[in-house]
PDB file of all heavy atoms in Angstrom:
ATOM      1  N   TRP A   1      90.354 120.299 108.587  1.00  0.00           N
ATOM      2  CA  TRP A   1      91.269 121.266 108.211  1.00  0.00           C
ATOM      3  C   TRP A   1      92.251 121.641 109.265  1.00  0.00           C
ATOM      4  O   TRP A   1      93.439 121.864 109.070  1.00  0.00           O
ATOM      5  CB  TRP A   1      90.572 122.481 107.659  1.00  0.00           C
ATOM      6  CG  TRP A   1      91.439 123.688 107.277  1.00  0.00           C
ATOM      7  CD1 TRP A   1      91.724 124.691 107.985  1.00  0.00           C
ATOM      8  CD2 TRP A   1      92.186 123.832 106.084  1.00  0.00           C
ATOM      9  NE1 TRP A   1      92.580 125.540 107.356  1.00  0.00           N
ATOM     10  CE2 TRP A   1      92.891 124.907 106.136  1.00  0.00           C
ATOM     11  CE3 TRP A   1      92.284 123.031 104.914  1.00  0.00           C
ATOM     12  CZ2 TRP A   1      93.703 125.431 105.096  1.00  0.00           C
ATOM     13  CZ3 TRP A   1      93.062 123.501 103.860  1.00  0.00           C
ATOM     14  CH2 TRP A   1      93.807 124.728 103.982  1.00  0.00           C
ATOM     15  N   GLY A   2      91.749 121.762 110.514  1.00  0.00           N
ATOM     16  CA  GLY A   2      92.620 122.114 111.616  1.00  0.00           C
ATOM     17  C   GLY A   2      93.701 121.167 111.942  1.00  0.00           C
ATOM     18  O   GLY A   2      94.595 121.550 112.706  1.00  0.00           O
ATOM     19  N   ALA A   3      93.558 119.941 111.476  1.00  0.00           N
ATOM     20  CA  ALA A   3      94.607 118.971 111.759  1.00  0.00           C
ATOM     21  C   ALA A   3      95.826 119.068 110.904  1.00  0.00           C
ATOM     22  O   ALA A   3      96.829 118.366 111.124  1.00  0.00           O
ATOM     23  CB  ALA A   3      94.032 117.565 111.647  1.00  0.00           C
ATOM     24  N   ARG A   4      95.841 119.903 109.913  1.00  0.00           N
ATOM     25  CA  ARG A   4      96.955 120.051 109.044  1.00  0.00           C
ATOM     26  C   ARG A   4      98.152 120.829 109.751  1.00  0.00           C
ATOM     27  O   ARG A   4      97.919 121.799 110.443  1.00  0.00           O
ATOM     28  CB  ARG A   4      96.559 120.842 107.763  1.00  0.00           C
ATOM     29  CG  ARG A   4      95.482 120.132 106.920  1.00  0.00           C
ATOM     30  CD  ARG A   4      95.351 120.737 105.566  1.00  0.00           C
ATOM     31  NE  ARG A   4      94.413 119.908 104.705  1.00  0.00           N
ATOM     32  CZ  ARG A   4      94.254 120.038 103.470  1.00  0.00           C
ATOM     33  NH1 ARG A   4      95.001 120.895 102.771  1.00  0.00           N
ATOM     34  NH2 ARG A   4      93.350 119.261 102.795  1.00  0.00           N
ATOM     35  N   GLU A   5      99.283 120.343 109.512  1.00  0.00           N
ATOM     36  CA  GLU A   5     100.496 120.954 110.053  1.00  0.00           C
ATOM     37  C   GLU A   5     100.736 122.284 109.458  1.00  0.00           C
ATOM     38  O   GLU A   5     101.096 123.277 110.221  1.00  0.00           O
ATOM     39  CB  GLU A   5     101.701 120.002 109.877  1.00  0.00           C
ATOM     40  CG  GLU A   5     103.000 120.512 110.402  1.00  0.00           C
ATOM     41  CD  GLU A   5     104.154 119.586 110.060  1.00  0.00           C
ATOM     42  OE1 GLU A   5     103.883 118.518 109.446  1.00  0.00           O
ATOM     43  OE2 GLU A   5     105.249 119.869 110.485  1.00  0.00           O
ATOM     44  N   VAL A   6     100.560 122.402 108.123  1.00  0.00           N
ATOM     45  CA  VAL A   6     100.708 123.659 107.516  1.00  0.00           C
ATOM     46  C   VAL A   6      99.319 123.978 106.893  1.00  0.00           C
ATOM     47  O   VAL A   6      98.836 123.213 106.020  1.00  0.00           O
ATOM     48  CB  VAL A   6     101.791 123.586 106.369  1.00  0.00           C
ATOM     49  CG1 VAL A   6     101.834 124.919 105.596  1.00  0.00           C
ATOM     50  CG2 VAL A   6     103.090 123.206 106.957  1.00  0.00           C
ATOM     51  N   ARG A   7      98.708 125.058 107.280  1.00  0.00           N
ATOM     52  CA  ARG A   7      97.381 125.428 106.800  1.00  0.00           C
ATOM     53  C   ARG A   7      97.467 125.953 105.347  1.00  0.00           C
ATOM     54  O   ARG A   7      97.665 127.162 105.125  1.00  0.00           O
ATOM     55  CB  ARG A   7      96.761 126.467 107.672  1.00  0.00           C
ATOM     56  CG  ARG A   7      96.754 126.134 109.152  1.00  0.00           C
ATOM     57  CD  ARG A   7      95.832 124.933 109.509  1.00  0.00           C
ATOM     58  NE  ARG A   7      95.905 124.503 110.833  1.00  0.00           N
ATOM     59  CZ  ARG A   7      95.195 125.043 111.809  1.00  0.00           C
ATOM     60  NH1 ARG A   7      94.417 126.188 111.591  1.00  0.00           N
ATOM     61  NH2 ARG A   7      95.255 124.616 113.078  1.00  0.00           N
ATOM     62  N   HIS A   8      97.341 125.043 104.407  1.00  0.00           N
ATOM     63  CA  HIS A   8      97.463 125.393 103.060  1.00  0.00           C
ATOM     64  C   HIS A   8      96.535 124.618 102.217  1.00  0.00           C
ATOM     65  O   HIS A   8      96.107 123.409 102.660  1.00  0.00           O
ATOM     66  CB  HIS A   8      98.887 125.148 102.524  1.00  0.00           C
ATOM     67  CG  HIS A   8      99.163 125.758 101.176  1.00  0.00           C
ATOM     68  ND1 HIS A   8      98.994 125.134 100.001  1.00  0.00           N
ATOM     69  CD2 HIS A   8      99.634 127.030 100.800  1.00  0.00           C
ATOM     70  CE1 HIS A   8      99.315 125.927  98.989  1.00  0.00           C
ATOM     71  NE2 HIS A   8      99.675 127.081  99.455  1.00  0.00           N
ATOM     72  N   ARG A   9      96.007 125.112 101.067  1.00  0.00           N
ATOM     73  CA  ARG A   9      95.069 124.346 100.323  1.00  0.00           C
ATOM     74  C   ARG A   9      95.608 123.106  99.748  1.00  0.00           C
ATOM     75  O   ARG A   9      94.862 122.130  99.517  1.00  0.00           O
ATOM     76  CB  ARG A   9      94.599 125.260  99.172  1.00  0.00           C
ATOM     77  CG  ARG A   9      95.653 125.829  98.315  1.00  0.00           C
ATOM     78  CD  ARG A   9      95.191 126.843  97.264  1.00  0.00           C
ATOM     79  NE  ARG A   9      96.215 127.301  96.374  1.00  0.00           N
ATOM     80  CZ  ARG A   9      96.614 126.737  95.299  1.00  0.00           C
ATOM     81  NH1 ARG A   9      95.926 125.667  94.898  1.00  0.00           N
ATOM     82  NH2 ARG A   9      97.563 127.223  94.558  1.00  0.00           N
ATOM     83  N   ASN A  10      96.897 123.017  99.499  1.00  0.00           N
ATOM     84  CA  ASN A  10      97.603 121.786  99.059  1.00  0.00           C
ATOM     85  C   ASN A  10      98.112 121.083 100.300  1.00  0.00           C
ATOM     86  O   ASN A  10      98.051 121.607 101.367  1.00  0.00           O
ATOM     87  CB  ASN A  10      98.697 122.033  98.053  1.00  0.00           C
ATOM     88  CG  ASN A  10      98.245 122.574  96.821  1.00  0.00           C
ATOM     89  OD1 ASN A  10      97.172 122.192  96.354  1.00  0.00           O
ATOM     90  ND2 ASN A  10      99.045 123.439  96.152  1.00  0.00           N
ATOM     91  N   HIS A  11      98.660 119.878 100.119  1.00  0.00           N
ATOM     92  CA  HIS A  11      99.170 119.118 101.244  1.00  0.00           C
ATOM     93  C   HIS A  11     100.696 119.539 101.405  1.00  0.00           C
ATOM     94  O   HIS A  11     101.537 119.205 100.496  1.00  0.00           O
ATOM     95  CB  HIS A  11      99.079 117.586 101.067  1.00  0.00           C
ATOM     96  CG  HIS A  11      97.609 117.240 100.775  1.00  0.00           C
ATOM     97  ND1 HIS A  11      96.626 117.317 101.701  1.00  0.00           N
ATOM     98  CD2 HIS A  11      97.025 116.869  99.589  1.00  0.00           C
ATOM     99  CE1 HIS A  11      95.473 117.004 101.130  1.00  0.00           C
ATOM    100  NE2 HIS A  11      95.725 116.673  99.923  1.00  0.00           N
ATOM    101  N   VAL A  12     101.068 120.173 102.543  1.00  0.00           N
ATOM    102  CA  VAL A  12     102.354 120.654 102.660  1.00  0.00           C
ATOM    103  C   VAL A  12     102.940 120.121 103.954  1.00  0.00           C
ATOM    104  O   VAL A  12     102.194 120.202 105.046  1.00  0.00           O
ATOM    105  CB  VAL A  12     102.428 122.227 102.654  1.00  0.00           C
ATOM    106  CG1 VAL A  12     103.802 122.763 102.910  1.00  0.00           C
ATOM    107  CG2 VAL A  12     101.935 122.779 101.384  1.00  0.00           C
ATOM    108  N   PHE A  13     104.165 119.634 104.018  1.00  0.00           N
ATOM    109  CA  PHE A  13     104.733 119.055 105.190  1.00  0.00           C
ATOM    110  C   PHE A  13     106.054 119.845 105.471  1.00  0.00           C
ATOM    111  O   PHE A  13     106.915 120.042 104.539  1.00  0.00           O
ATOM    112  CB  PHE A  13     105.085 117.561 105.060  1.00  0.00           C
ATOM    113  CG  PHE A  13     103.844 116.706 104.737  1.00  0.00           C
ATOM    114  CD1 PHE A  13     103.520 116.498 103.343  1.00  0.00           C
ATOM    115  CD2 PHE A  13     103.021 116.309 105.725  1.00  0.00           C
ATOM    116  CE1 PHE A  13     102.397 115.723 103.056  1.00  0.00           C
ATOM    117  CE2 PHE A  13     101.871 115.578 105.427  1.00  0.00           C
ATOM    118  CZ  PHE A  13     101.653 115.200 104.079  1.00  0.00           C
ATOM    119  N   ARG A  14     106.267 120.169 106.792  1.00  0.00           N
ATOM    120  CA  ARG A  14     107.482 120.850 107.158  1.00  0.00           C
ATOM    121  C   ARG A  14     108.388 119.806 107.811  1.00  0.00           C
ATOM    122  O   ARG A  14     107.998 119.052 108.653  1.00  0.00           O
ATOM    123  CB  ARG A  14     107.209 121.994 108.154  1.00  0.00           C
ATOM    124  CG  ARG A  14     108.380 122.793 108.588  1.00  0.00           C
ATOM    125  CD  ARG A  14     108.032 123.826 109.588  1.00  0.00           C
ATOM    126  NE  ARG A  14     107.190 124.875 108.992  1.00  0.00           N
ATOM    127  CZ  ARG A  14     105.921 125.022 109.269  1.00  0.00           C
ATOM    128  NH1 ARG A  14     105.279 124.240 110.150  1.00  0.00           N
ATOM    129  NH2 ARG A  14     105.267 126.048 108.792  1.00  0.00           N
ATOM    130  N   PHE A  15     109.740 119.789 107.427  1.00  0.00           N
ATOM    131  CA  PHE A  15     110.621 118.851 108.003  1.00  0.00           C
ATOM    132  C   PHE A  15     112.031 119.464 107.992  1.00  0.00           C
ATOM    133  O   PHE A  15     112.368 120.306 107.135  1.00  0.00           O
ATOM    134  CB  PHE A  15     110.602 117.450 107.302  1.00  0.00           C
ATOM    135  CG  PHE A  15     111.088 117.476 105.881  1.00  0.00           C
ATOM    136  CD1 PHE A  15     112.338 117.090 105.557  1.00  0.00           C
ATOM    137  CD2 PHE A  15     110.218 117.928 104.856  1.00  0.00           C
ATOM    138  CE1 PHE A  15     112.833 117.075 104.323  1.00  0.00           C
ATOM    139  CE2 PHE A  15     110.746 117.941 103.577  1.00  0.00           C
ATOM    140  CZ  PHE A  15     111.951 117.540 103.283  1.00  0.00           C
ATOM    141  N   PRO A  16     112.901 118.960 108.903  1.00  0.00           N
ATOM    142  CA  PRO A  16     114.297 119.539 108.834  1.00  0.00           C
ATOM    143  C   PRO A  16     115.091 119.009 107.638  1.00  0.00           C
ATOM    144  O   PRO A  16     114.974 117.861 107.309  1.00  0.00           O
ATOM    145  CB  PRO A  16     114.759 119.062 110.172  1.00  0.00           C
ATOM    146  CG  PRO A  16     114.044 117.828 110.570  1.00  0.00           C
ATOM    147  CD  PRO A  16     112.614 118.035 109.943  1.00  0.00           C
ATOM    148  N   ALA A  17     115.908 119.865 107.079  1.00  0.00           N
ATOM    149  CA  ALA A  17     116.834 119.478 106.048  1.00  0.00           C
ATOM    150  C   ALA A  17     117.850 118.422 106.623  1.00  0.00           C
ATOM    151  O   ALA A  17     118.310 118.590 107.723  1.00  0.00           O
ATOM    152  CB  ALA A  17     117.520 120.639 105.421  1.00  0.00           C
ATOM    153  N   PRO A  18     118.258 117.452 105.809  1.00  0.00           N
ATOM    154  CA  PRO A  18     119.222 116.445 106.361  1.00  0.00           C
ATOM    155  C   PRO A  18     120.567 117.112 106.501  1.00  0.00           C
ATOM    156  O   PRO A  18     121.096 117.836 105.630  1.00  0.00           O
ATOM    157  CB  PRO A  18     119.297 115.400 105.238  1.00  0.00           C
ATOM    158  CG  PRO A  18     118.766 116.086 103.982  1.00  0.00           C
ATOM    159  CD  PRO A  18     117.772 117.159 104.469  1.00  0.00           C
ATOM    160  N   VAL A  19     121.132 116.887 107.709  1.00  0.00           N
ATOM    161  CA  VAL A  19     122.368 117.530 108.100  1.00  0.00           C
ATOM    162  C   VAL A  19     123.546 116.605 107.906  1.00  0.00           C
ATOM    163  O   VAL A  19     124.576 116.966 107.339  1.00  0.00           O
ATOM    164  CB  VAL A  19     122.335 118.032 109.501  1.00  0.00           C
ATOM    165  CG1 VAL A  19     123.644 118.578 109.927  1.00  0.00           C
ATOM    166  CG2 VAL A  19     121.173 119.015 109.645  1.00  0.00           C
ATOM    167  N   THR A  20     123.456 115.358 108.386  1.00  0.00           N
ATOM    168  CA  THR A  20     124.550 114.430 108.300  1.00  0.00           C
ATOM    169  C   THR A  20     124.812 114.005 106.956  1.00  0.00           C
ATOM    170  O   THR A  20     123.944 113.979 106.058  1.00  0.00           O
ATOM    171  CB  THR A  20     124.193 113.123 109.204  1.00  0.00           C
ATOM    172  OG1 THR A  20     122.972 112.610 108.716  1.00  0.00           O
ATOM    173  CG2 THR A  20     123.998 113.547 110.654  1.00  0.00           C
ATOM    174  N   ALA A  21     126.051 113.631 106.652  1.00  0.00           N
ATOM    175  CA  ALA A  21     126.417 113.301 105.282  1.00  0.00           C
ATOM    176  C   ALA A  21     125.788 111.959 104.894  1.00  0.00           C
ATOM    177  O   ALA A  21     125.346 111.168 105.732  1.00  0.00           O
ATOM    178  CB  ALA A  21     127.979 113.122 105.204  1.00  0.00           C
ATOM    179  N   GLY A  22     125.732 111.733 103.567  1.00  0.00           N
ATOM    180  CA  GLY A  22     125.140 110.531 103.083  1.00  0.00           C
ATOM    181  C   GLY A  22     123.793 110.748 102.511  1.00  0.00           C
ATOM    182  O   GLY A  22     123.233 111.875 102.497  1.00  0.00           O
ATOM    183  N   GLU A  23     123.159 109.715 102.028  1.00  0.00           N
ATOM    184  CA  GLU A  23     121.788 109.822 101.471  1.00  0.00           C
ATOM    185  C   GLU A  23     120.735 109.522 102.555  1.00  0.00           C
ATOM    186  O   GLU A  23     120.916 108.607 103.334  1.00  0.00           O
ATOM    187  CB  GLU A  23     121.591 108.849 100.304  1.00  0.00           C
ATOM    188  CG  GLU A  23     122.483 109.160  99.066  1.00  0.00           C
ATOM    189  CD  GLU A  23     122.169 108.265  97.921  1.00  0.00           C
ATOM    190  OE1 GLU A  23     121.217 107.512  98.024  1.00  0.00           O
ATOM    191  OE2 GLU A  23     122.915 108.310  96.909  1.00  0.00           O
ATOM    192  N   HIS A  24     119.632 110.297 102.487  1.00  0.00           N
ATOM    193  CA  HIS A  24     118.604 110.084 103.392  1.00  0.00           C
ATOM    194  C   HIS A  24     117.242 109.755 102.606  1.00  0.00           C
ATOM    195  O   HIS A  24     116.881 110.575 101.798  1.00  0.00           O
ATOM    196  CB  HIS A  24     118.368 111.422 104.258  1.00  0.00           C
ATOM    197  CG  HIS A  24     119.621 111.851 105.103  1.00  0.00           C
ATOM    198  ND1 HIS A  24     119.682 111.472 106.412  1.00  0.00           N
ATOM    199  CD2 HIS A  24     120.711 112.403 104.694  1.00  0.00           C
ATOM    200  CE1 HIS A  24     120.933 111.936 106.797  1.00  0.00           C
ATOM    201  NE2 HIS A  24     121.536 112.514 105.794  1.00  0.00           N
ATOM    202  N   THR A  25     116.711 108.668 102.885  1.00  0.00           N
ATOM    203  CA  THR A  25     115.569 108.178 102.184  1.00  0.00           C
ATOM    204  C   THR A  25     114.273 108.533 102.847  1.00  0.00           C
ATOM    205  O   THR A  25     114.099 108.281 104.051  1.00  0.00           O
ATOM    206  CB  THR A  25     115.644 106.609 101.987  1.00  0.00           C
ATOM    207  OG1 THR A  25     116.965 106.264 101.437  1.00  0.00           O
ATOM    208  CG2 THR A  25     114.560 106.109 101.106  1.00  0.00           C
ATOM    209  N   TYR A  26     113.350 109.082 102.065  1.00  0.00           N
ATOM    210  CA  TYR A  26     112.032 109.425 102.496  1.00  0.00           C
ATOM    211  C   TYR A  26     110.950 108.652 101.803  1.00  0.00           C
ATOM    212  O   TYR A  26     111.115 108.227 100.728  1.00  0.00           O
ATOM    213  CB  TYR A  26     111.801 110.995 102.257  1.00  0.00           C
ATOM    214  CG  TYR A  26     112.776 111.869 102.964  1.00  0.00           C
ATOM    215  CD1 TYR A  26     114.056 112.094 102.465  1.00  0.00           C
ATOM    216  CD2 TYR A  26     112.462 112.518 104.131  1.00  0.00           C
ATOM    217  CE1 TYR A  26     114.872 112.891 103.115  1.00  0.00           C
ATOM    218  CE2 TYR A  26     113.317 113.359 104.813  1.00  0.00           C
ATOM    219  CZ  TYR A  26     114.595 113.530 104.259  1.00  0.00           C
ATOM    220  OH  TYR A  26     115.471 114.382 104.901  1.00  0.00           O
TER     221      TYR A  26
END
């Protein structure tokens, strides 16, 4: 549990919103 980036019962990932123009594939 301690290895989670966001301590939540579901799987939650924090990441920066795309800034540069165009499409960003995840």
